[in-house]
N, C-alpha and C. Protein backbone atom coordinates (compact mmCIF):
# COMPACT_ATOMS: atom_id res chain seq x y z
N MET A 1 84.65 111.21 108.43
CA MET A 1 85.38 112.43 108.22
C MET A 1 86.82 112.28 108.13
N ALA A 2 87.64 113.23 107.61
CA ALA A 2 88.94 113.08 107.28
C ALA A 2 89.80 113.08 108.49
N ARG A 3 91.06 112.57 108.30
CA ARG A 3 92.03 112.71 109.33
C ARG A 3 92.40 114.13 109.37
N ARG A 4 92.58 114.43 110.78
CA ARG A 4 92.75 115.91 111.23
C ARG A 4 94.34 115.94 111.37
N GLU A 5 94.79 117.05 110.72
CA GLU A 5 96.28 117.36 110.57
C GLU A 5 96.68 118.39 111.60
N PHE A 6 97.93 118.42 111.93
CA PHE A 6 98.29 119.40 113.02
C PHE A 6 98.65 120.84 112.16
N THR A 7 98.27 121.91 112.80
CA THR A 7 98.38 123.24 112.17
C THR A 7 100.04 123.53 112.31
N PRO A 8 100.56 124.43 111.29
CA PRO A 8 101.99 124.44 111.42
C PRO A 8 102.59 125.04 112.80
N MET A 9 101.76 125.84 113.67
CA MET A 9 102.15 126.41 114.89
C MET A 9 102.35 125.24 115.69
N VAL A 10 101.13 124.36 116.00
CA VAL A 10 101.34 123.07 116.61
C VAL A 10 102.23 122.21 116.35
N TYR A 11 102.61 122.05 115.04
CA TYR A 11 103.63 121.11 114.64
C TYR A 11 104.95 121.53 115.07
N ALA A 12 105.09 122.81 115.05
CA ALA A 12 106.53 123.56 115.27
C ALA A 12 106.66 123.40 116.95
N GLN A 13 105.69 123.50 117.83
CA GLN A 13 105.77 123.29 119.05
C GLN A 13 106.08 121.79 119.52
N ILE A 14 105.63 120.85 118.81
CA ILE A 14 105.77 119.38 119.01
C ILE A 14 107.30 119.13 118.67
N VAL A 15 107.73 119.55 117.59
CA VAL A 15 109.18 119.42 117.19
C VAL A 15 110.01 120.11 117.90
N HIS A 16 109.81 121.38 118.59
CA HIS A 16 110.51 121.80 119.62
C HIS A 16 110.57 121.22 120.85
N ARG A 17 109.67 120.65 121.42
CA ARG A 17 109.52 119.82 122.56
C ARG A 17 110.32 118.63 122.27
N ALA A 18 110.38 118.00 121.16
CA ALA A 18 111.28 116.79 120.88
C ALA A 18 112.74 117.04 120.78
N SER A 19 113.16 118.30 120.87
CA SER A 19 114.74 118.55 120.79
C SER A 19 115.34 118.57 122.18
N ASN A 20 116.44 118.03 122.10
CA ASN A 20 117.15 117.81 123.57
C ASN A 20 117.83 119.00 123.66
N ALA A 21 118.84 118.99 124.62
CA ALA A 21 119.59 120.19 125.09
C ALA A 21 120.50 120.74 124.03
N GLN A 22 120.94 119.58 123.02
CA GLN A 22 122.02 120.12 122.18
C GLN A 22 121.14 120.63 120.89
N GLY A 23 119.97 120.62 120.77
CA GLY A 23 119.12 121.06 119.77
C GLY A 23 118.83 120.03 118.79
N ARG A 24 119.27 118.66 119.09
CA ARG A 24 119.14 117.55 118.10
C ARG A 24 117.63 116.99 118.41
N LEU A 25 117.19 116.50 117.42
CA LEU A 25 115.55 115.86 117.45
C LEU A 25 115.75 114.50 117.93
N THR A 26 115.13 114.23 118.86
CA THR A 26 114.88 112.80 119.32
C THR A 26 113.61 112.31 119.18
N CYS A 27 113.32 110.97 119.17
CA CYS A 27 112.13 110.19 119.08
C CYS A 27 111.52 110.17 120.41
N GLU A 28 110.37 110.63 120.48
CA GLU A 28 109.76 110.61 121.76
C GLU A 28 109.13 109.26 122.26
N GLY A 29 109.26 108.36 121.15
CA GLY A 29 108.81 106.96 121.73
C GLY A 29 110.05 106.24 122.36
N CYS A 30 111.20 106.33 121.80
CA CYS A 30 112.32 105.53 122.43
C CYS A 30 113.42 106.33 122.85
N GLY A 31 113.38 107.75 122.49
CA GLY A 31 114.66 108.32 122.87
C GLY A 31 115.78 108.46 121.97
N LEU A 32 115.89 107.93 120.90
CA LEU A 32 116.76 107.65 119.77
C LEU A 32 116.90 109.21 119.31
N VAL A 33 118.23 109.53 119.26
CA VAL A 33 118.66 110.96 118.43
C VAL A 33 118.50 110.74 117.13
N LEU A 34 117.50 111.34 116.30
CA LEU A 34 117.16 111.03 114.91
C LEU A 34 118.18 111.82 113.94
N GLY A 35 118.83 112.92 114.44
CA GLY A 35 119.73 113.53 113.41
C GLY A 35 118.95 113.87 112.18
N ARG A 36 119.43 113.21 110.98
CA ARG A 36 119.10 113.57 109.62
C ARG A 36 117.86 112.33 109.19
N LYS A 37 117.76 111.52 110.25
CA LYS A 37 116.78 110.48 109.79
C LYS A 37 115.41 110.92 109.81
N ALA A 38 114.62 110.21 109.05
CA ALA A 38 113.18 110.60 108.69
C ALA A 38 112.31 110.39 110.13
N TYR A 39 111.32 111.44 110.24
CA TYR A 39 110.59 111.26 111.34
C TYR A 39 109.13 111.62 110.92
N HIS A 40 108.22 111.48 111.80
CA HIS A 40 106.82 111.70 111.53
C HIS A 40 106.26 112.30 112.83
N VAL A 41 105.35 113.32 112.71
CA VAL A 41 104.55 113.84 113.99
C VAL A 41 103.42 113.13 113.82
N ASP A 42 102.93 112.31 114.94
CA ASP A 42 101.76 111.40 114.81
C ASP A 42 100.83 111.61 115.88
N HIS A 43 99.78 111.43 115.82
CA HIS A 43 98.69 111.56 117.01
C HIS A 43 99.18 110.46 118.09
N THR A 44 98.91 111.07 119.48
CA THR A 44 99.22 110.16 120.60
C THR A 44 98.18 109.13 120.65
N LYS A 45 97.09 109.51 120.60
CA LYS A 45 95.80 108.59 120.37
C LYS A 45 95.29 108.39 118.98
N PRO A 46 95.42 107.23 118.67
CA PRO A 46 94.89 107.09 117.07
C PRO A 46 93.77 108.10 116.78
N ASP A 47 93.86 108.81 115.52
CA ASP A 47 92.80 109.63 115.23
C ASP A 47 91.56 109.13 114.70
N GLY A 48 91.40 107.84 114.23
CA GLY A 48 90.50 107.08 113.97
C GLY A 48 89.45 106.65 115.28
N LEU A 49 90.15 106.71 116.27
CA LEU A 49 89.46 106.17 117.67
C LEU A 49 88.91 107.41 118.27
N GLU A 50 89.19 108.73 117.77
CA GLU A 50 88.82 109.84 118.31
C GLU A 50 87.39 110.20 118.19
N VAL A 51 86.57 110.49 119.04
CA VAL A 51 85.15 110.59 119.08
C VAL A 51 84.73 112.02 118.66
N ASP A 52 85.52 113.09 119.45
CA ASP A 52 85.13 114.35 119.08
C ASP A 52 86.11 114.98 118.25
N LYS A 53 85.68 115.17 117.01
CA LYS A 53 86.64 115.47 115.80
C LYS A 53 86.63 117.01 115.58
N THR A 54 85.76 117.66 116.56
CA THR A 54 85.58 119.15 116.22
C THR A 54 86.65 119.97 117.26
N ARG A 55 87.23 119.09 118.22
CA ARG A 55 88.19 119.84 119.08
C ARG A 55 89.36 120.10 118.38
N LYS A 56 89.96 121.34 118.47
CA LYS A 56 91.23 121.55 117.93
C LYS A 56 92.45 120.79 118.56
N LEU A 57 93.29 120.49 117.78
CA LEU A 57 94.66 119.60 118.05
C LEU A 57 95.60 120.51 118.69
N THR A 58 96.03 119.94 119.84
CA THR A 58 97.15 120.86 120.82
C THR A 58 98.35 119.99 120.65
N ALA A 59 99.44 120.68 121.17
CA ALA A 59 100.84 120.14 121.12
C ALA A 59 100.78 118.65 121.89
N GLU A 60 99.91 118.46 122.92
CA GLU A 60 99.86 117.34 123.65
C GLU A 60 99.28 116.08 123.01
N ASP A 61 98.62 116.38 121.75
CA ASP A 61 97.97 115.38 121.18
C ASP A 61 98.91 114.70 120.04
N GLY A 62 100.03 115.36 119.86
CA GLY A 62 100.99 114.65 119.09
C GLY A 62 102.43 114.37 119.52
N LYS A 63 103.18 113.55 118.77
CA LYS A 63 104.38 113.42 119.30
C LYS A 63 105.46 113.02 118.16
N VAL A 64 106.67 113.26 118.39
CA VAL A 64 107.79 113.02 117.14
C VAL A 64 108.02 111.61 117.35
N LEU A 65 107.91 110.86 116.07
CA LEU A 65 108.20 109.31 116.09
C LEU A 65 109.30 109.19 114.97
N GLY A 66 110.37 108.51 115.07
CA GLY A 66 111.25 108.33 114.08
C GLY A 66 110.53 106.98 113.26
N VAL A 67 110.71 107.25 112.05
CA VAL A 67 109.87 106.23 110.97
C VAL A 67 110.32 104.88 111.18
N GLU A 68 111.66 104.66 111.20
CA GLU A 68 111.99 103.06 111.26
C GLU A 68 111.87 102.56 112.70
N CYS A 69 112.13 103.48 113.80
CA CYS A 69 112.07 102.74 115.00
C CYS A 69 110.67 102.74 115.85
N CYS A 70 109.88 103.61 115.72
CA CYS A 70 108.66 103.70 116.52
C CYS A 70 107.46 103.83 115.50
N HIS A 71 107.41 104.75 114.44
CA HIS A 71 106.18 105.18 113.67
C HIS A 71 105.63 103.93 113.01
N LYS A 72 106.49 102.94 112.40
CA LYS A 72 105.93 102.02 111.62
C LYS A 72 105.27 100.92 112.39
N PRO A 73 105.59 100.52 113.67
CA PRO A 73 105.28 99.35 114.63
C PRO A 73 103.70 100.36 115.35
N LYS A 74 103.98 101.60 115.58
CA LYS A 74 102.86 102.20 116.20
C LYS A 74 101.55 102.37 115.05
N THR A 75 101.98 102.60 113.90
CA THR A 75 100.91 102.78 112.87
C THR A 75 100.18 101.53 112.52
N LYS A 76 101.00 100.14 112.71
CA LYS A 76 100.53 98.87 112.53
C LYS A 76 99.41 98.57 113.58
N THR A 77 99.81 98.77 114.86
CA THR A 77 98.92 98.54 115.91
C THR A 77 97.66 99.53 115.92
N ASP A 78 97.83 100.79 115.55
CA ASP A 78 96.67 101.80 115.31
C ASP A 78 95.73 101.11 114.41
N VAL A 79 96.27 100.82 113.25
CA VAL A 79 95.36 100.43 112.06
C VAL A 79 94.60 99.25 112.66
N ALA A 80 95.26 98.24 113.31
CA ALA A 80 94.48 97.04 113.71
C ALA A 80 93.56 97.52 114.83
N GLN A 81 93.61 98.39 115.70
CA GLN A 81 92.64 98.90 116.73
C GLN A 81 91.56 99.52 116.05
N ILE A 82 91.82 100.52 114.96
CA ILE A 82 90.77 101.07 114.39
C ILE A 82 89.82 100.06 113.58
N ALA A 83 90.31 99.09 112.88
CA ALA A 83 89.58 98.18 112.13
C ALA A 83 88.71 97.33 113.24
N GLU A 84 89.30 96.91 114.40
CA GLU A 84 88.49 96.29 115.44
C GLU A 84 87.31 97.13 115.82
N ALA A 85 87.61 98.46 116.05
CA ALA A 85 86.47 99.39 116.48
C ALA A 85 85.53 99.39 115.36
N LYS A 86 85.90 99.55 114.24
CA LYS A 86 84.89 99.58 113.07
C LYS A 86 84.04 98.32 112.90
N ARG A 87 84.62 97.12 113.26
CA ARG A 87 83.79 95.92 113.16
C ARG A 87 82.85 95.69 114.66
N ARG A 88 83.44 96.40 115.59
CA ARG A 88 82.49 96.09 116.73
C ARG A 88 81.40 97.24 116.54
N GLU A 89 81.67 98.30 115.90
CA GLU A 89 80.39 99.34 115.84
C GLU A 89 79.52 98.72 114.74
N ALA A 90 79.97 98.18 113.73
CA ALA A 90 79.00 97.52 112.62
C ALA A 90 78.37 96.37 113.11
N LYS A 91 78.64 95.68 114.16
CA LYS A 91 78.28 94.41 114.71
C LYS A 91 77.15 95.01 115.59
N HIS A 92 77.44 96.23 116.48
CA HIS A 92 76.45 96.72 117.40
C HIS A 92 75.30 97.41 116.50
N LEU A 93 75.60 97.82 115.38
CA LEU A 93 74.45 98.51 114.45
C LEU A 93 73.72 97.58 113.82
N GLY A 94 74.00 96.25 113.86
CA GLY A 94 73.21 95.25 113.27
C GLY A 94 73.76 94.96 111.71
N MET A 95 74.86 95.66 111.38
CA MET A 95 75.20 95.29 110.01
C MET A 95 75.70 93.95 109.71
N THR A 96 75.44 93.47 108.61
CA THR A 96 75.89 91.91 108.24
C THR A 96 76.37 91.93 106.86
N THR A 97 77.28 90.83 106.59
CA THR A 97 77.67 90.83 105.07
C THR A 97 76.68 90.25 104.14
N ARG A 98 76.73 90.74 102.98
CA ARG A 98 75.66 90.25 102.01
C ARG A 98 75.82 88.95 101.78
N GLN A 99 74.56 87.89 101.65
CA GLN A 99 74.55 86.59 101.39
C GLN A 99 74.63 86.42 100.04
N PRO A 100 75.47 85.31 99.42
CA PRO A 100 75.41 85.17 98.13
C PRO A 100 74.02 84.80 97.63
N SER A 101 73.70 85.21 96.39
CA SER A 101 72.45 84.76 95.79
C SER A 101 72.58 83.34 95.39
N ARG A 102 71.51 82.73 95.50
CA ARG A 102 71.27 81.32 95.08
C ARG A 102 70.44 81.04 94.04
N PHE A 103 71.06 81.18 92.75
CA PHE A 103 70.52 80.92 91.54
C PHE A 103 70.06 79.34 91.65
N PRO A 104 68.84 79.02 90.94
CA PRO A 104 68.50 77.62 90.72
C PRO A 104 69.58 76.93 89.93
N GLY A 105 70.07 76.00 90.31
CA GLY A 105 70.98 74.98 89.55
C GLY A 105 72.39 75.57 89.87
N SER A 106 72.68 76.42 90.67
CA SER A 106 74.25 77.00 90.69
C SER A 106 74.68 76.06 91.78
N LYS A 107 76.11 76.00 91.90
CA LYS A 107 76.70 75.20 93.02
C LYS A 107 76.25 75.50 94.50
N ALA A 108 75.74 76.92 94.63
CA ALA A 108 75.54 77.28 95.99
C ALA A 108 74.15 76.72 96.09
N SER A 109 73.20 76.46 95.28
CA SER A 109 71.87 76.01 95.70
C SER A 109 71.86 74.62 96.04
N GLY A 110 72.66 73.76 95.88
CA GLY A 110 72.66 72.28 96.33
C GLY A 110 72.08 71.51 95.38
N LEU A 111 71.68 72.06 94.13
CA LEU A 111 70.88 71.19 93.23
C LEU A 111 71.65 71.18 92.08
N LYS A 112 71.57 70.13 91.29
CA LYS A 112 72.32 70.01 89.89
C LYS A 112 71.33 69.68 88.90
N LYS A 113 71.07 70.38 87.86
CA LYS A 113 70.23 70.16 86.52
C LYS A 113 70.93 69.51 85.64
N THR A 114 70.72 68.55 85.10
CA THR A 114 71.47 67.73 84.14
C THR A 114 70.95 68.07 82.58
N ILE A 115 71.58 67.58 81.80
CA ILE A 115 71.18 68.14 80.18
C ILE A 115 69.77 67.41 79.90
N ASP A 116 69.69 66.06 80.42
CA ASP A 116 68.47 65.62 80.06
C ASP A 116 67.04 65.95 80.98
N GLY A 117 67.25 66.97 81.92
CA GLY A 117 66.34 67.62 82.61
C GLY A 117 66.07 67.06 84.04
N ARG A 118 67.02 65.92 84.37
CA ARG A 118 66.68 65.38 85.83
C ARG A 118 67.33 66.46 86.91
N VAL A 119 66.85 66.61 88.10
CA VAL A 119 67.23 67.42 89.25
C VAL A 119 67.83 66.47 90.17
N ILE A 120 69.18 66.76 90.45
CA ILE A 120 69.96 65.79 91.42
C ILE A 120 70.40 66.52 92.73
N ASP A 121 70.28 66.22 93.79
CA ASP A 121 70.74 66.64 94.94
C ASP A 121 72.19 66.46 95.05
N ARG A 122 73.03 67.69 95.10
CA ARG A 122 74.51 67.36 94.98
C ARG A 122 75.01 66.74 96.25
N ALA A 123 74.49 66.87 97.59
CA ALA A 123 74.86 66.42 98.83
C ALA A 123 74.74 64.78 98.52
N THR A 124 73.66 64.27 98.30
CA THR A 124 73.43 62.93 98.30
C THR A 124 73.43 62.11 97.07
N GLY A 125 73.42 62.97 95.90
CA GLY A 125 73.46 62.21 94.72
C GLY A 125 72.00 61.67 94.12
N GLU A 126 71.03 61.63 95.09
CA GLU A 126 69.75 61.20 94.70
C GLU A 126 69.05 62.09 93.66
N GLU A 127 68.36 61.45 92.83
CA GLU A 127 67.53 62.11 91.93
C GLU A 127 66.18 62.73 92.69
N ILE A 128 65.89 63.91 92.30
CA ILE A 128 64.64 64.54 93.14
C ILE A 128 63.55 64.49 92.20
N ARG A 129 63.79 64.88 90.91
CA ARG A 129 62.52 64.75 90.10
C ARG A 129 63.04 64.49 88.59
N ARG A 130 62.14 64.10 87.87
CA ARG A 130 62.58 63.79 86.40
C ARG A 130 61.88 64.86 85.47
């Protein structure tokens, strides 16, 4: 399922909550006054880890983060957590990676066929048959 975005009304509530007494926008992660610096409204809990995607997003589900100070590091950890959760789920469901095909005479088969027709074991170098 696709990432859920905040509605304009909820987005405005989150931005209003992040404003200080002078009306300046502050980062909710570290408290830095952002001014004209770039910011993103990000999910408090990574959206990829959310189980119930049908629930409407509220202002408590998001926070204003400065791009340089808090958003990039948070995104980096969120991506790692989501990837780990996907690997854990795949392992639980019994999914495995596809094994490489073993064509006769390929390097993966462990056997080597020479031009004169001999078959040689790659590991030991012994001739198996002529």
